[in-house]
PDB file of all heavy atoms in Angstrom:
ATOM      1  N   LEU A   1     -22.563   2.342  -9.690  1.00  0.00           N
ATOM      2  CA  LEU A   1     -23.523   2.154  -8.619  1.00  0.00           C
ATOM      3  C   LEU A   1     -22.795   1.541  -7.430  1.00  0.00           C
ATOM      4  O   LEU A   1     -22.151   0.498  -7.566  1.00  0.00           O
ATOM      5  CB  LEU A   1     -24.666   1.232  -9.067  1.00  0.00           C
ATOM      6  CG  LEU A   1     -25.379   1.601 -10.376  1.00  0.00           C
ATOM      7  CD1 LEU A   1     -26.474   0.577 -10.665  1.00  0.00           C
ATOM      8  CD2 LEU A   1     -25.959   3.011 -10.315  1.00  0.00           C
ATOM      9  N   TYR A   2     -22.888   2.181  -6.287  1.00  0.00           N
ATOM     10  CA  TYR A   2     -22.211   1.709  -5.083  1.00  0.00           C
ATOM     11  C   TYR A   2     -23.248   1.238  -4.073  1.00  0.00           C
ATOM     12  O   TYR A   2     -24.096   2.018  -3.635  1.00  0.00           O
ATOM     13  CB  TYR A   2     -21.407   2.840  -4.444  1.00  0.00           C
ATOM     14  CG  TYR A   2     -20.282   3.416  -5.265  1.00  0.00           C
ATOM     15  CD1 TYR A   2     -20.511   4.467  -6.151  1.00  0.00           C
ATOM     16  CD2 TYR A   2     -18.975   2.942  -5.125  1.00  0.00           C
ATOM     17  CE1 TYR A   2     -19.469   5.035  -6.883  1.00  0.00           C
ATOM     18  CE2 TYR A   2     -17.928   3.506  -5.853  1.00  0.00           C
ATOM     19  CZ  TYR A   2     -18.181   4.544  -6.729  1.00  0.00           C
ATOM     20  OH  TYR A   2     -17.157   5.109  -7.455  1.00  0.00           O
ATOM     21  N   ASP A   3     -23.162  -0.021  -3.680  1.00  0.00           N
ATOM     22  CA  ASP A   3     -24.089  -0.580  -2.698  1.00  0.00           C
ATOM     23  C   ASP A   3     -23.389  -0.643  -1.336  1.00  0.00           C
ATOM     24  O   ASP A   3     -22.559  -1.522  -1.096  1.00  0.00           O
ATOM     25  CB  ASP A   3     -24.535  -1.974  -3.133  1.00  0.00           C
ATOM     26  CG  ASP A   3     -25.658  -2.517  -2.268  1.00  0.00           C
ATOM     27  OD1 ASP A   3     -26.124  -1.801  -1.358  1.00  0.00           O
ATOM     28  OD2 ASP A   3     -26.070  -3.680  -2.483  1.00  0.00           O
ATOM     29  N   GLU A   4     -23.707   0.293  -0.456  1.00  0.00           N
ATOM     30  CA  GLU A   4     -23.133   0.363   0.887  1.00  0.00           C
ATOM     31  C   GLU A   4     -21.602   0.191   0.850  1.00  0.00           C
ATOM     32  O   GLU A   4     -21.048  -0.750   1.441  1.00  0.00           O
ATOM     33  CB  GLU A   4     -23.749  -0.716   1.790  1.00  0.00           C
ATOM     34  CG  GLU A   4     -25.245  -0.604   1.971  1.00  0.00           C
ATOM     35  CD  GLU A   4     -25.666   0.483   2.964  1.00  0.00           C
ATOM     36  OE1 GLU A   4     -24.788   1.217   3.444  1.00  0.00           O
ATOM     37  OE2 GLU A   4     -26.868   0.595   3.234  1.00  0.00           O
ATOM     38  N   PRO A   5     -20.880   1.077   0.176  1.00  0.00           N
ATOM     39  CA  PRO A   5     -19.443   0.868  -0.047  1.00  0.00           C
ATOM     40  C   PRO A   5     -18.572   0.938   1.201  1.00  0.00           C
ATOM     41  O   PRO A   5     -17.434   0.471   1.178  1.00  0.00           O
ATOM     42  CB  PRO A   5     -19.080   1.996  -1.013  1.00  0.00           C
ATOM     43  CG  PRO A   5     -20.096   3.060  -0.759  1.00  0.00           C
ATOM     44  CD  PRO A   5     -21.363   2.322  -0.446  1.00  0.00           C
ATOM     45  N   THR A   6     -19.077   1.505   2.297  1.00  0.00           N
ATOM     46  CA  THR A   6     -18.245   1.638   3.498  1.00  0.00           C
ATOM     47  C   THR A   6     -18.681   0.729   4.636  1.00  0.00           C
ATOM     48  O   THR A   6     -18.148   0.812   5.738  1.00  0.00           O
ATOM     49  CB  THR A   6     -18.241   3.100   3.994  1.00  0.00           C
ATOM     50  OG1 THR A   6     -19.580   3.495   4.314  1.00  0.00           O
ATOM     51  CG2 THR A   6     -17.683   4.034   2.926  1.00  0.00           C
ATOM     52  N   THR A   7     -19.623  -0.169   4.385  1.00  0.00           N
ATOM     53  CA  THR A   7     -20.089  -1.074   5.431  1.00  0.00           C
ATOM     54  C   THR A   7     -18.942  -1.933   5.966  1.00  0.00           C
ATOM     55  O   THR A   7     -18.178  -2.516   5.200  1.00  0.00           O
ATOM     56  CB  THR A   7     -21.199  -1.990   4.893  1.00  0.00           C
ATOM     57  OG1 THR A   7     -22.347  -1.199   4.599  1.00  0.00           O
ATOM     58  CG2 THR A   7     -21.596  -3.044   5.913  1.00  0.00           C
ATOM     59  N   GLY A   8     -18.826  -1.999   7.278  1.00  0.00           N
ATOM     60  CA  GLY A   8     -17.831  -2.859   7.906  1.00  0.00           C
ATOM     61  C   GLY A   8     -16.420  -2.311   7.944  1.00  0.00           C
ATOM     62  O   GLY A   8     -15.498  -3.032   8.334  1.00  0.00           O
ATOM     63  N   LEU A   9     -16.233  -1.065   7.545  1.00  0.00           N
ATOM     64  CA  LEU A   9     -14.898  -0.482   7.507  1.00  0.00           C
ATOM     65  C   LEU A   9     -14.682   0.471   8.677  1.00  0.00           C
ATOM     66  O   LEU A   9     -15.612   1.122   9.141  1.00  0.00           O
ATOM     67  CB  LEU A   9     -14.680   0.262   6.191  1.00  0.00           C
ATOM     68  CG  LEU A   9     -14.821  -0.555   4.903  1.00  0.00           C
ATOM     69  CD1 LEU A   9     -14.574   0.336   3.697  1.00  0.00           C
ATOM     70  CD2 LEU A   9     -13.867  -1.747   4.899  1.00  0.00           C
ATOM     71  N   ASP A  10     -13.431   0.577   9.117  1.00  0.00           N
ATOM     72  CA  ASP A  10     -13.100   1.524  10.167  1.00  0.00           C
ATOM     73  C   ASP A  10     -13.111   2.944   9.586  1.00  0.00           C
ATOM     74  O   ASP A  10     -13.118   3.124   8.361  1.00  0.00           O
ATOM     75  CB  ASP A  10     -11.723   1.201  10.768  1.00  0.00           C
ATOM     76  CG  ASP A  10     -10.612   1.299   9.742  1.00  0.00           C
ATOM     77  OD1 ASP A  10     -10.195   2.436   9.414  1.00  0.00           O
ATOM     78  OD2 ASP A  10     -10.166   0.239   9.253  1.00  0.00           O
ATOM     79  N   PRO A  11     -13.122   3.973  10.444  1.00  0.00           N
ATOM     80  CA  PRO A  11     -13.242   5.353   9.946  1.00  0.00           C
ATOM     81  C   PRO A  11     -12.155   5.771   8.966  1.00  0.00           C
ATOM     82  O   PRO A  11     -12.443   6.490   8.001  1.00  0.00           O
ATOM     83  CB  PRO A  11     -13.178   6.187  11.233  1.00  0.00           C
ATOM     84  CG  PRO A  11     -13.696   5.289  12.295  1.00  0.00           C
ATOM     85  CD  PRO A  11     -13.206   3.913  11.919  1.00  0.00           C
ATOM     86  N   VAL A  12     -10.914   5.330   9.187  1.00  0.00           N
ATOM     87  CA  VAL A  12      -9.831   5.725   8.283  1.00  0.00           C
ATOM     88  C   VAL A  12     -10.016   5.080   6.915  1.00  0.00           C
ATOM     89  O   VAL A  12      -9.905   5.731   5.875  1.00  0.00           O
ATOM     90  CB  VAL A  12      -8.456   5.352   8.885  1.00  0.00           C
ATOM     91  CG1 VAL A  12      -7.346   5.614   7.862  1.00  0.00           C
ATOM     92  CG2 VAL A  12      -8.196   6.146  10.155  1.00  0.00           C
ATOM     93  N   THR A  13     -10.329   3.785   6.899  1.00  0.00           N
ATOM     94  CA  THR A  13     -10.537   3.085   5.627  1.00  0.00           C
ATOM     95  C   THR A  13     -11.766   3.623   4.911  1.00  0.00           C
ATOM     96  O   THR A  13     -11.791   3.727   3.686  1.00  0.00           O
ATOM     97  CB  THR A  13     -10.671   1.571   5.863  1.00  0.00           C
ATOM     98  OG1 THR A  13      -9.546   1.106   6.617  1.00  0.00           O
ATOM     99  CG2 THR A  13     -10.710   0.822   4.539  1.00  0.00           C
ATOM    100  N   THR A  14     -12.801   3.978   5.681  1.00  0.00           N
ATOM    101  CA  THR A  14     -13.981   4.604   5.090  1.00  0.00           C
ATOM    102  C   THR A  14     -13.611   5.882   4.357  1.00  0.00           C
ATOM    103  O   THR A  14     -14.080   6.140   3.239  1.00  0.00           O
ATOM    104  CB  THR A  14     -15.020   4.907   6.183  1.00  0.00           C
ATOM    105  OG1 THR A  14     -15.524   3.679   6.706  1.00  0.00           O
ATOM    106  CG2 THR A  14     -16.179   5.736   5.629  1.00  0.00           C
ATOM    107  N   SER A  15     -12.750   6.690   4.966  1.00  0.00           N
ATOM    108  CA  SER A  15     -12.308   7.931   4.326  1.00  0.00           C
ATOM    109  C   SER A  15     -11.558   7.642   3.036  1.00  0.00           C
ATOM    110  O   SER A  15     -11.716   8.363   2.041  1.00  0.00           O
ATOM    111  CB  SER A  15     -11.421   8.720   5.294  1.00  0.00           C
ATOM    112  OG  SER A  15     -10.998   9.929   4.716  1.00  0.00           O
ATOM    113  N   VAL A  16     -10.756   6.583   3.017  1.00  0.00           N
ATOM    114  CA  VAL A  16     -10.027   6.191   1.805  1.00  0.00           C
ATOM    115  C   VAL A  16     -11.009   5.843   0.686  1.00  0.00           C
ATOM    116  O   VAL A  16     -10.850   6.280  -0.457  1.00  0.00           O
ATOM    117  CB  VAL A  16      -9.099   4.991   2.093  1.00  0.00           C
ATOM    118  CG1 VAL A  16      -8.536   4.425   0.786  1.00  0.00           C
ATOM    119  CG2 VAL A  16      -7.955   5.411   3.014  1.00  0.00           C
ATOM    120  N   ILE A  17     -12.034   5.058   1.013  1.00  0.00           N
ATOM    121  CA  ILE A  17     -13.026   4.676   0.009  1.00  0.00           C
ATOM    122  C   ILE A  17     -13.774   5.901  -0.491  1.00  0.00           C
ATOM    123  O   ILE A  17     -14.017   6.059  -1.701  1.00  0.00           O
ATOM    124  CB  ILE A  17     -14.013   3.638   0.589  1.00  0.00           C
ATOM    125  CG1 ILE A  17     -13.288   2.341   0.956  1.00  0.00           C
ATOM    126  CG2 ILE A  17     -15.132   3.355  -0.419  1.00  0.00           C
ATOM    127  CD1 ILE A  17     -12.595   1.645  -0.210  1.00  0.00           C
ATOM    128  N   ASP A  18     -14.127   6.807   0.398  1.00  0.00           N
ATOM    129  CA  ASP A  18     -14.827   8.031  -0.008  1.00  0.00           C
ATOM    130  C   ASP A  18     -13.978   8.854  -0.982  1.00  0.00           C
ATOM    131  O   ASP A  18     -14.490   9.388  -1.976  1.00  0.00           O
ATOM    132  CB  ASP A  18     -15.171   8.879   1.213  1.00  0.00           C
ATOM    133  CG  ASP A  18     -16.267   8.258   2.071  1.00  0.00           C
ATOM    134  OD1 ASP A  18     -16.978   7.369   1.560  1.00  0.00           O
ATOM    135  OD2 ASP A  18     -16.404   8.666   3.238  1.00  0.00           O
ATOM    136  N   ARG A  19     -12.698   8.942  -0.711  1.00  0.00           N
ATOM    137  CA  ARG A  19     -11.817   9.692  -1.609  1.00  0.00           C
ATOM    138  C   ARG A  19     -11.725   9.027  -2.973  1.00  0.00           C
ATOM    139  O   ARG A  19     -11.635   9.707  -4.001  1.00  0.00           O
ATOM    140  CB  ARG A  19     -10.429   9.823  -0.980  1.00  0.00           C
ATOM    141  CG  ARG A  19     -10.394  10.741   0.237  1.00  0.00           C
ATOM    142  CD  ARG A  19      -9.008  10.810   0.849  1.00  0.00           C
ATOM    143  NE  ARG A  19      -9.015  11.615   2.075  1.00  0.00           N
ATOM    144  CZ  ARG A  19      -7.942  11.844   2.808  1.00  0.00           C
ATOM    145  NH1 ARG A  19      -6.762  11.327   2.457  1.00  0.00           N
ATOM    146  NH2 ARG A  19      -8.023  12.580   3.900  1.00  0.00           N
ATOM    147  N   LEU A  20     -11.756   7.697  -2.989  1.00  0.00           N
ATOM    148  CA  LEU A  20     -11.721   6.987  -4.272  1.00  0.00           C
ATOM    149  C   LEU A  20     -13.010   7.219  -5.062  1.00  0.00           C
ATOM    150  O   LEU A  20     -12.974   7.335  -6.290  1.00  0.00           O
ATOM    151  CB  LEU A  20     -11.507   5.491  -4.050  1.00  0.00           C
ATOM    152  CG  LEU A  20     -10.088   5.074  -3.644  1.00  0.00           C
ATOM    153  CD1 LEU A  20     -10.053   3.586  -3.310  1.00  0.00           C
ATOM    154  CD2 LEU A  20      -9.095   5.386  -4.755  1.00  0.00           C
ATOM    155  N   ILE A  21     -14.139   7.289  -4.376  1.00  0.00           N
ATOM    156  CA  ILE A  21     -15.401   7.587  -5.059  1.00  0.00           C
ATOM    157  C   ILE A  21     -15.309   8.945  -5.748  1.00  0.00           C
ATOM    158  O   ILE A  21     -15.724   9.110  -6.908  1.00  0.00           O
ATOM    159  CB  ILE A  21     -16.570   7.544  -4.058  1.00  0.00           C
ATOM    160  CG1 ILE A  21     -16.811   6.105  -3.590  1.00  0.00           C
ATOM    161  CG2 ILE A  21     -17.841   8.113  -4.693  1.00  0.00           C
ATOM    162  CD1 ILE A  21     -17.830   5.975  -2.476  1.00  0.00           C
ATOM    163  N   LEU A  22     -14.743   9.921  -5.052  1.00  0.00           N
ATOM    164  CA  LEU A  22     -14.572  11.247  -5.641  1.00  0.00           C
ATOM    165  C   LEU A  22     -13.550  11.226  -6.774  1.00  0.00           C
ATOM    166  O   LEU A  22     -13.707  11.926  -7.775  1.00  0.00           O
ATOM    167  CB  LEU A  22     -14.150  12.244  -4.560  1.00  0.00           C
ATOM    168  CG  LEU A  22     -15.205  12.527  -3.482  1.00  0.00           C
ATOM    169  CD1 LEU A  22     -14.626  13.417  -2.394  1.00  0.00           C
ATOM    170  CD2 LEU A  22     -16.444  13.154  -4.091  1.00  0.00           C
ATOM    171  N   ARG A  23     -12.516  10.399  -6.633  1.00  0.00           N
ATOM    172  CA  ARG A  23     -11.522  10.290  -7.712  1.00  0.00           C
ATOM    173  C   ARG A  23     -12.154   9.723  -8.971  1.00  0.00           C
ATOM    174  O   ARG A  23     -11.844  10.157 -10.086  1.00  0.00           O
ATOM    175  CB  ARG A  23     -10.352   9.403  -7.277  1.00  0.00           C
ATOM    176  CG  ARG A  23      -9.278   9.268  -8.349  1.00  0.00           C
ATOM    177  CD  ARG A  23      -8.224   8.223  -8.004  1.00  0.00           C
ATOM    178  NE  ARG A  23      -7.410   8.629  -6.869  1.00  0.00           N
ATOM    179  CZ  ARG A  23      -6.416   7.877  -6.381  1.00  0.00           C
ATOM    180  NH1 ARG A  23      -6.156   6.690  -6.914  1.00  0.00           N
ATOM    181  NH2 ARG A  23      -5.700   8.309  -5.370  1.00  0.00           N
ATOM    182  N   MET A  24     -13.042   8.745  -8.819  1.00  0.00           N
ATOM    183  CA  MET A  24     -13.710   8.174  -9.986  1.00  0.00           C
ATOM    184  C   MET A  24     -14.515   9.245 -10.724  1.00  0.00           C
ATOM    185  O   MET A  24     -14.556   9.282 -11.948  1.00  0.00           O
ATOM    186  CB  MET A  24     -14.630   7.014  -9.577  1.00  0.00           C
ATOM    187  CG  MET A  24     -13.930   5.825  -8.927  1.00  0.00           C
ATOM    188  SD  MET A  24     -12.558   5.131  -9.889  1.00  0.00           S
ATOM    189  CE  MET A  24     -11.138   5.703  -8.965  1.00  0.00           C
ATOM    190  N   ARG A  25     -15.142  10.113  -9.944  1.00  0.00           N
ATOM    191  CA  ARG A  25     -15.906  11.205 -10.563  1.00  0.00           C
ATOM    192  C   ARG A  25     -14.979  12.180 -11.277  1.00  0.00           C
ATOM    193  O   ARG A  25     -15.219  12.563 -12.432  1.00  0.00           O
ATOM    194  CB  ARG A  25     -16.708  11.941  -9.493  1.00  0.00           C
ATOM    195  CG  ARG A  25     -17.544  13.115 -10.015  1.00  0.00           C
ATOM    196  CD  ARG A  25     -17.976  14.035  -8.893  1.00  0.00           C
ATOM    197  NE  ARG A  25     -16.817  14.708  -8.290  1.00  0.00           N
ATOM    198  CZ  ARG A  25     -16.881  15.430  -7.169  1.00  0.00           C
ATOM    199  NH1 ARG A  25     -18.023  15.556  -6.526  1.00  0.00           N
ATOM    200  NH2 ARG A  25     -15.793  16.008  -6.684  1.00  0.00           N
TER     201      ARG A  25
END
């Protein structure tokens, strides 16, 4: 369960977190 995982992050770091979410899947 991810609660607002990209809040407060810049666009590049947000993309990194998004890729990690997909990697977990």
